[in-house]
Amino acid sequence: MQCLRGNMREHYTITELTREFGISTRTIRFYEDEGLIHPIRRGRTRLFRPSDRQLLRNILRGKRLGFSISEIRDIVHMYREPPGEAGQLRAIVTKVAERRAELEQKRRDIEDMLGELEAAEEACLTRMAELGVGQKRSG
């Protein structure tokens, strides 16, 4: 079902999108059930417009960035209604900043934990040396 109009395809099948994006049909149906995408239905067949394909690409990008389905839905709906694209872009910038701050805090927490693990390991190795106990190798 590769309906072509110039160089732009008119429709994509669910199978084509699953292959392109490396996701399952269940994932696409979930996004449809969540009201994020709205394919055309011809009987049991779903046909996706180029705009649906781009929206799916953006949904998957949002998921990779750690946004929840609810956050993605809010951003998608914002584009369709006031405040429109400008409001959507402001919301994305805000959410990206929030997500970055969360990840930077997690990185600091991981660095602190790694430091504590290193100190604990060093203390154990020092005490083992004092006791004359060798370190057993695992494997």
N, C-alpha and C. Protein backbone atom coordinates (compact mmCIF):
# COMPACT_ATOMS: atom_id res chain seq x y z
N MET A 1 0.83 -1.18 0.00
CA MET A 1 0.00 0.00 0.00
C MET A 1 0.87 1.24 0.00
N GLN A 2 1.63 1.38 -0.97
CA GLN A 2 2.65 2.41 -1.00
C GLN A 2 2.19 3.65 -1.75
N CYS A 3 0.96 4.02 -1.69
CA CYS A 3 0.41 5.15 -2.43
C CYS A 3 1.41 6.30 -2.47
N LEU A 4 1.86 6.66 -3.65
CA LEU A 4 2.85 7.73 -3.79
C LEU A 4 2.21 8.98 -4.38
N ARG A 5 2.66 10.10 -3.90
CA ARG A 5 2.25 11.38 -4.48
C ARG A 5 3.54 12.17 -4.63
N GLY A 6 4.07 12.23 -5.85
CA GLY A 6 5.39 12.83 -6.04
C GLY A 6 6.40 11.96 -5.32
N ASN A 7 7.25 12.56 -4.50
CA ASN A 7 8.21 11.81 -3.70
C ASN A 7 7.67 11.50 -2.32
N MET A 8 6.52 12.08 -1.97
CA MET A 8 5.95 11.93 -0.63
C MET A 8 4.93 10.81 -0.63
N ARG A 9 5.09 9.87 0.28
CA ARG A 9 4.13 8.79 0.39
C ARG A 9 2.85 9.31 1.01
N GLU A 10 1.75 8.77 0.56
CA GLU A 10 0.45 9.19 1.09
C GLU A 10 0.11 8.42 2.36
N HIS A 11 0.47 7.13 2.40
CA HIS A 11 0.15 6.30 3.57
C HIS A 11 1.26 5.30 3.85
N TYR A 12 1.32 4.89 5.12
CA TYR A 12 2.23 3.84 5.56
C TYR A 12 1.39 2.80 6.30
N THR A 13 1.77 1.55 6.20
CA THR A 13 1.07 0.50 6.94
C THR A 13 1.73 0.38 8.33
N ILE A 14 1.01 -0.27 9.22
CA ILE A 14 1.55 -0.48 10.57
C ILE A 14 2.82 -1.33 10.50
N THR A 15 2.84 -2.30 9.58
CA THR A 15 4.02 -3.16 9.42
C THR A 15 5.23 -2.34 8.98
N GLU A 16 5.02 -1.43 8.04
CA GLU A 16 6.12 -0.59 7.57
C GLU A 16 6.68 0.27 8.72
N LEU A 17 5.79 0.81 9.54
CA LEU A 17 6.26 1.65 10.65
C LEU A 17 6.96 0.83 11.73
N THR A 18 6.46 -0.38 11.99
CA THR A 18 7.13 -1.20 13.00
C THR A 18 8.55 -1.55 12.55
N ARG A 19 8.71 -1.82 11.27
CA ARG A 19 10.05 -2.14 10.74
C ARG A 19 10.95 -0.91 10.77
N GLU A 20 10.41 0.22 10.36
CA GLU A 20 11.21 1.45 10.31
C GLU A 20 11.71 1.86 11.70
N PHE A 21 10.83 1.78 12.69
CA PHE A 21 11.18 2.28 14.02
C PHE A 21 11.62 1.20 14.99
N GLY A 22 11.57 -0.07 14.55
CA GLY A 22 12.01 -1.16 15.42
C GLY A 22 11.13 -1.33 16.64
N ILE A 23 9.82 -1.16 16.47
CA ILE A 23 8.88 -1.31 17.57
C ILE A 23 7.81 -2.32 17.17
N SER A 24 7.01 -2.73 18.12
CA SER A 24 5.97 -3.73 17.85
C SER A 24 4.67 -3.06 17.41
N THR A 25 3.81 -3.86 16.79
CA THR A 25 2.48 -3.35 16.44
C THR A 25 1.73 -3.00 17.72
N ARG A 26 1.98 -3.73 18.76
CA ARG A 26 1.33 -3.45 20.05
C ARG A 26 1.68 -2.05 20.55
N THR A 27 2.93 -1.64 20.36
CA THR A 27 3.36 -0.30 20.76
C THR A 27 2.59 0.76 19.99
N ILE A 28 2.47 0.58 18.69
CA ILE A 28 1.74 1.55 17.88
C ILE A 28 0.28 1.59 18.29
N ARG A 29 -0.31 0.43 18.52
CA ARG A 29 -1.71 0.39 18.96
C ARG A 29 -1.88 1.07 20.32
N PHE A 30 -0.89 0.89 21.19
CA PHE A 30 -0.94 1.56 22.50
C PHE A 30 -0.98 3.08 22.32
N TYR A 31 -0.10 3.61 21.46
CA TYR A 31 -0.10 5.05 21.22
C TYR A 31 -1.41 5.51 20.60
N GLU A 32 -1.99 4.66 19.79
CA GLU A 32 -3.31 4.97 19.22
C GLU A 32 -4.37 4.98 20.32
N ASP A 33 -4.35 3.96 21.19
CA ASP A 33 -5.31 3.89 22.30
C ASP A 33 -5.17 5.08 23.24
N GLU A 34 -3.94 5.58 23.37
CA GLU A 34 -3.68 6.73 24.24
C GLU A 34 -4.06 8.06 23.58
N GLY A 35 -4.53 8.00 22.33
CA GLY A 35 -4.96 9.20 21.63
C GLY A 35 -3.83 10.04 21.07
N LEU A 36 -2.65 9.44 20.94
CA LEU A 36 -1.50 10.19 20.44
C LEU A 36 -1.44 10.21 18.92
N ILE A 37 -1.85 9.11 18.30
CA ILE A 37 -1.88 9.04 16.84
C ILE A 37 -3.27 8.57 16.40
N HIS A 38 -3.65 8.98 15.21
CA HIS A 38 -5.00 8.68 14.72
C HIS A 38 -4.94 8.21 13.26
N PRO A 39 -4.61 6.92 13.05
CA PRO A 39 -4.53 6.44 11.67
C PRO A 39 -5.91 6.39 11.02
N ILE A 40 -5.90 6.37 9.72
CA ILE A 40 -7.12 6.18 8.94
C ILE A 40 -7.42 4.68 8.98
N ARG A 41 -8.67 4.34 9.12
CA ARG A 41 -9.04 2.93 9.12
C ARG A 41 -9.80 2.59 7.85
N ARG A 42 -9.35 1.52 7.23
CA ARG A 42 -10.06 0.96 6.08
C ARG A 42 -10.31 -0.50 6.44
N GLY A 43 -11.50 -0.75 6.99
CA GLY A 43 -11.79 -2.08 7.51
C GLY A 43 -10.92 -2.31 8.74
N ARG A 44 -10.16 -3.40 8.72
CA ARG A 44 -9.25 -3.70 9.84
C ARG A 44 -7.86 -3.12 9.61
N THR A 45 -7.66 -2.52 8.46
CA THR A 45 -6.34 -1.98 8.11
C THR A 45 -6.19 -0.56 8.62
N ARG A 46 -5.03 -0.29 9.22
CA ARG A 46 -4.69 1.06 9.65
C ARG A 46 -3.75 1.66 8.61
N LEU A 47 -4.07 2.85 8.19
CA LEU A 47 -3.19 3.58 7.26
C LEU A 47 -2.71 4.84 7.96
N PHE A 48 -1.41 5.03 7.96
CA PHE A 48 -0.80 6.15 8.66
C PHE A 48 -0.32 7.18 7.66
N ARG A 49 -0.69 8.42 7.89
CA ARG A 49 -0.27 9.54 7.05
C ARG A 49 1.18 9.91 7.39
N PRO A 50 1.84 10.66 6.53
CA PRO A 50 3.19 11.13 6.85
C PRO A 50 3.23 11.90 8.18
N SER A 51 2.17 12.64 8.48
CA SER A 51 2.12 13.37 9.76
C SER A 51 2.07 12.40 10.94
N ASP A 52 1.38 11.25 10.78
CA ASP A 52 1.36 10.23 11.84
C ASP A 52 2.75 9.64 12.04
N ARG A 53 3.45 9.43 10.93
CA ARG A 53 4.81 8.88 10.97
C ARG A 53 5.74 9.83 11.71
N GLN A 54 5.64 11.13 11.41
CA GLN A 54 6.48 12.12 12.09
C GLN A 54 6.11 12.20 13.57
N LEU A 55 4.84 12.13 13.86
CA LEU A 55 4.39 12.16 15.25
C LEU A 55 4.91 10.95 16.01
N LEU A 56 4.88 9.79 15.38
CA LEU A 56 5.41 8.58 15.99
C LEU A 56 6.90 8.74 16.27
N ARG A 57 7.62 9.32 15.32
CA ARG A 57 9.06 9.58 15.52
C ARG A 57 9.27 10.48 16.76
N ASN A 58 8.44 11.51 16.89
CA ASN A 58 8.56 12.42 18.03
C ASN A 58 8.15 11.77 19.35
N ILE A 59 7.15 10.91 19.32
CA ILE A 59 6.74 10.18 20.52
C ILE A 59 7.89 9.31 21.00
N LEU A 60 8.51 8.60 20.08
CA LEU A 60 9.62 7.71 20.44
C LEU A 60 10.82 8.51 20.95
N ARG A 61 11.05 9.68 20.36
CA ARG A 61 12.13 10.55 20.86
C ARG A 61 11.81 11.00 22.29
N GLY A 62 10.56 11.37 22.52
CA GLY A 62 10.15 11.76 23.87
C GLY A 62 10.35 10.65 24.88
N LYS A 63 10.02 9.41 24.48
CA LYS A 63 10.23 8.27 25.37
C LYS A 63 11.72 8.07 25.66
N ARG A 64 12.56 8.20 24.62
CA ARG A 64 14.01 8.05 24.82
C ARG A 64 14.55 9.11 25.77
N LEU A 65 13.94 10.30 25.74
CA LEU A 65 14.37 11.38 26.62
C LEU A 65 13.81 11.23 28.04
N GLY A 66 12.97 10.22 28.24
CA GLY A 66 12.46 9.94 29.57
C GLY A 66 11.13 10.59 29.90
N PHE A 67 10.45 11.14 28.90
CA PHE A 67 9.14 11.75 29.16
C PHE A 67 8.10 10.65 29.31
N SER A 68 7.13 10.90 30.17
CA SER A 68 6.03 9.96 30.37
C SER A 68 5.03 10.10 29.22
N ILE A 69 4.16 9.12 29.08
CA ILE A 69 3.11 9.19 28.06
C ILE A 69 2.24 10.42 28.32
N SER A 70 1.96 10.70 29.56
CA SER A 70 1.15 11.87 29.91
C SER A 70 1.82 13.16 29.45
N GLU A 71 3.11 13.28 29.69
CA GLU A 71 3.84 14.48 29.26
C GLU A 71 3.84 14.59 27.74
N ILE A 72 4.05 13.47 27.07
CA ILE A 72 4.06 13.48 25.61
C ILE A 72 2.68 13.87 25.09
N ARG A 73 1.64 13.33 25.70
CA ARG A 73 0.27 13.66 25.28
C ARG A 73 0.01 15.15 25.44
N ASP A 74 0.43 15.72 26.56
CA ASP A 74 0.24 17.16 26.79
C ASP A 74 0.93 17.98 25.70
N ILE A 75 2.14 17.60 25.36
CA ILE A 75 2.90 18.33 24.35
C ILE A 75 2.24 18.19 22.98
N VAL A 76 1.79 16.98 22.65
CA VAL A 76 1.14 16.75 21.35
C VAL A 76 -0.15 17.58 21.26
N HIS A 77 -0.96 17.55 22.31
CA HIS A 77 -2.22 18.30 22.28
C HIS A 77 -1.99 19.80 22.25
N MET A 78 -0.91 20.23 22.85
CA MET A 78 -0.58 21.65 22.86
C MET A 78 -0.34 22.17 21.44
N TYR A 79 0.23 21.31 20.60
CA TYR A 79 0.51 21.70 19.21
C TYR A 79 -0.79 21.94 18.44
N ARG A 80 -1.78 21.09 18.74
CA ARG A 80 -3.05 21.14 18.00
C ARG A 80 -3.96 22.27 18.46
N GLU A 81 -3.78 22.76 19.68
CA GLU A 81 -4.66 23.78 20.25
C GLU A 81 -3.79 24.90 20.81
N PRO A 82 -4.42 26.03 21.17
CA PRO A 82 -3.63 27.10 21.79
C PRO A 82 -2.92 26.57 23.01
N PRO A 83 -1.70 26.93 23.26
CA PRO A 83 -0.92 28.00 22.65
C PRO A 83 -0.20 27.62 21.37
N GLY A 84 -0.48 26.47 20.79
CA GLY A 84 0.09 26.10 19.51
C GLY A 84 1.56 25.73 19.58
N GLU A 85 2.22 25.86 18.44
CA GLU A 85 3.61 25.42 18.33
C GLU A 85 4.55 26.18 19.27
N ALA A 86 4.35 27.50 19.40
CA ALA A 86 5.23 28.28 20.28
C ALA A 86 5.11 27.79 21.72
N GLY A 87 3.90 27.55 22.17
CA GLY A 87 3.70 27.02 23.53
C GLY A 87 4.27 25.63 23.67
N GLN A 88 4.10 24.84 22.63
CA GLN A 88 4.64 23.49 22.65
C GLN A 88 6.16 23.54 22.79
N LEU A 89 6.80 24.40 22.03
CA LEU A 89 8.26 24.50 22.08
C LEU A 89 8.73 24.98 23.45
N ARG A 90 8.02 25.94 24.04
CA ARG A 90 8.38 26.39 25.40
C ARG A 90 8.24 25.24 26.39
N ALA A 91 7.17 24.48 26.27
CA ALA A 91 6.95 23.35 27.18
C ALA A 91 8.06 22.30 27.02
N ILE A 92 8.46 22.04 25.79
CA ILE A 92 9.52 21.06 25.56
C ILE A 92 10.83 21.54 26.18
N VAL A 93 11.15 22.81 25.98
CA VAL A 93 12.39 23.36 26.55
C VAL A 93 12.37 23.22 28.07
N THR A 94 11.23 23.52 28.69
CA THR A 94 11.10 23.40 30.14
C THR A 94 11.26 21.94 30.57
N LYS A 95 10.59 21.03 29.88
CA LYS A 95 10.68 19.61 30.25
C LYS A 95 12.08 19.06 30.04
N VAL A 96 12.75 19.50 28.98
CA VAL A 96 14.13 19.06 28.73
C VAL A 96 15.03 19.54 29.88
N ALA A 97 14.86 20.77 30.30
CA ALA A 97 15.66 21.30 31.40
C ALA A 97 15.41 20.51 32.69
N GLU A 98 14.13 20.19 32.95
CA GLU A 98 13.80 19.40 34.14
C GLU A 98 14.43 18.02 34.07
N ARG A 99 14.33 17.39 32.90
CA ARG A 99 14.89 16.05 32.73
C ARG A 99 16.40 16.07 32.87
N ARG A 100 17.04 17.11 32.30
CA ARG A 100 18.49 17.25 32.41
C ARG A 100 18.90 17.37 33.88
N ALA A 101 18.17 18.18 34.64
CA ALA A 101 18.48 18.36 36.06
C ALA A 101 18.35 17.03 36.81
N GLU A 102 17.30 16.26 36.50
CA GLU A 102 17.12 14.94 37.13
C GLU A 102 18.30 14.03 36.82
N LEU A 103 18.70 14.00 35.57
CA LEU A 103 19.80 13.12 35.16
C LEU A 103 21.13 13.56 35.76
N GLU A 104 21.35 14.87 35.83
CA GLU A 104 22.58 15.37 36.45
C GLU A 104 22.63 15.00 37.93
N GLN A 105 21.48 15.05 38.62
CA GLN A 105 21.43 14.64 40.02
C GLN A 105 21.72 13.15 40.15
N LYS A 106 21.15 12.36 39.25
CA LYS A 106 21.41 10.91 39.28
C LYS A 106 22.89 10.64 39.03
N ARG A 107 23.51 11.41 38.11
CA ARG A 107 24.93 11.22 37.85
C ARG A 107 25.75 11.53 39.10
N ARG A 108 25.40 12.63 39.80
CA ARG A 108 26.10 12.97 41.05
C ARG A 108 25.91 11.87 42.08
N ASP A 109 24.69 11.34 42.18
CA ASP A 109 24.41 10.26 43.14
C ASP A 109 25.23 9.02 42.80
N ILE A 110 25.32 8.68 41.52
CA ILE A 110 26.11 7.51 41.10
C ILE A 110 27.59 7.73 41.40
N GLU A 111 28.10 8.93 41.10
CA GLU A 111 29.50 9.23 41.39
C GLU A 111 29.78 9.13 42.89
N ASP A 112 28.87 9.64 43.72
CA ASP A 112 29.03 9.53 45.17
C ASP A 112 29.04 8.07 45.60
N MET A 113 28.12 7.27 45.07
CA MET A 113 28.03 5.87 45.43
C MET A 113 29.28 5.11 44.99
N LEU A 114 29.77 5.41 43.79
CA LEU A 114 31.00 4.77 43.33
C LEU A 114 32.17 5.11 44.25
N GLY A 115 32.23 6.36 44.68
CA GLY A 115 33.28 6.76 45.62
C GLY A 115 33.18 6.01 46.94
N GLU A 116 31.97 5.84 47.44
CA GLU A 116 31.77 5.10 48.68
C GLU A 116 32.14 3.63 48.51
N LEU A 117 31.78 3.05 47.37
CA LEU A 117 32.15 1.66 47.11
C LEU A 117 33.67 1.50 47.04
N GLU A 118 34.31 2.44 46.38
CA GLU A 118 35.78 2.38 46.28
C GLU A 118 36.42 2.48 47.67
N ALA A 119 35.90 3.39 48.50
CA ALA A 119 36.43 3.54 49.85
C ALA A 119 36.21 2.28 50.67
N ALA A 120 35.02 1.66 50.54
CA ALA A 120 34.73 0.43 51.28
C ALA A 120 35.65 -0.70 50.83
N GLU A 121 35.84 -0.81 49.52
CA GLU A 121 36.72 -1.84 48.98
C GLU A 121 38.15 -1.64 49.47
N GLU A 122 38.61 -0.39 49.42
CA GLU A 122 39.98 -0.09 49.87
C GLU A 122 40.16 -0.41 51.35
N ALA A 123 39.15 -0.08 52.16
CA ALA A 123 39.22 -0.37 53.60
C ALA A 123 39.28 -1.87 53.83
N CYS A 124 38.49 -2.63 53.07
CA CYS A 124 38.50 -4.09 53.21
C CYS A 124 39.85 -4.67 52.79
N LEU A 125 40.38 -4.20 51.69
CA LEU A 125 41.67 -4.71 51.21
C LEU A 125 42.79 -4.37 52.19
N THR A 126 42.73 -3.18 52.74
CA THR A 126 43.75 -2.78 53.74
C THR A 126 43.68 -3.68 54.96
N ARG A 127 42.46 -3.92 55.45
CA ARG A 127 42.29 -4.77 56.64
C ARG A 127 42.70 -6.20 56.34
N MET A 128 42.38 -6.68 55.14
CA MET A 128 42.78 -8.04 54.77
C MET A 128 44.29 -8.16 54.75
N ALA A 129 44.97 -7.12 54.25
CA ALA A 129 46.44 -7.14 54.22
C ALA A 129 46.97 -7.15 55.64
N GLU A 130 46.35 -6.37 56.54
CA GLU A 130 46.78 -6.36 57.94
C GLU A 130 46.62 -7.74 58.59
N LEU A 131 45.58 -8.47 58.19
CA LEU A 131 45.33 -9.79 58.74
C LEU A 131 46.13 -10.88 58.04
N GLY A 132 46.79 -10.49 56.94
CA GLY A 132 47.56 -11.47 56.19
C GLY A 132 46.68 -12.37 55.36
N VAL A 133 45.49 -11.91 55.05
CA VAL A 133 44.55 -12.71 54.27
C VAL A 133 44.63 -12.26 52.81
N GLY A 134 44.79 -13.24 51.93
CA GLY A 134 44.83 -12.90 50.50
C GLY A 134 43.43 -12.75 49.93
N GLN A 135 43.35 -12.04 48.85
CA GLN A 135 42.05 -11.85 48.19
C GLN A 135 41.80 -13.05 47.29
N LYS A 136 40.65 -13.71 47.47
CA LYS A 136 40.30 -14.83 46.62
C LYS A 136 39.76 -14.32 45.31
N ARG A 137 40.17 -14.94 44.24
CA ARG A 137 39.71 -14.56 42.91
C ARG A 137 38.44 -15.35 42.61
N SER A 138 37.46 -14.65 42.07
CA SER A 138 36.24 -15.35 41.68
C SER A 138 36.36 -15.73 40.22
N GLY A 139 35.66 -16.79 39.82
CA GLY A 139 35.65 -17.17 38.42
C GLY A 139 36.15 -18.49 38.26
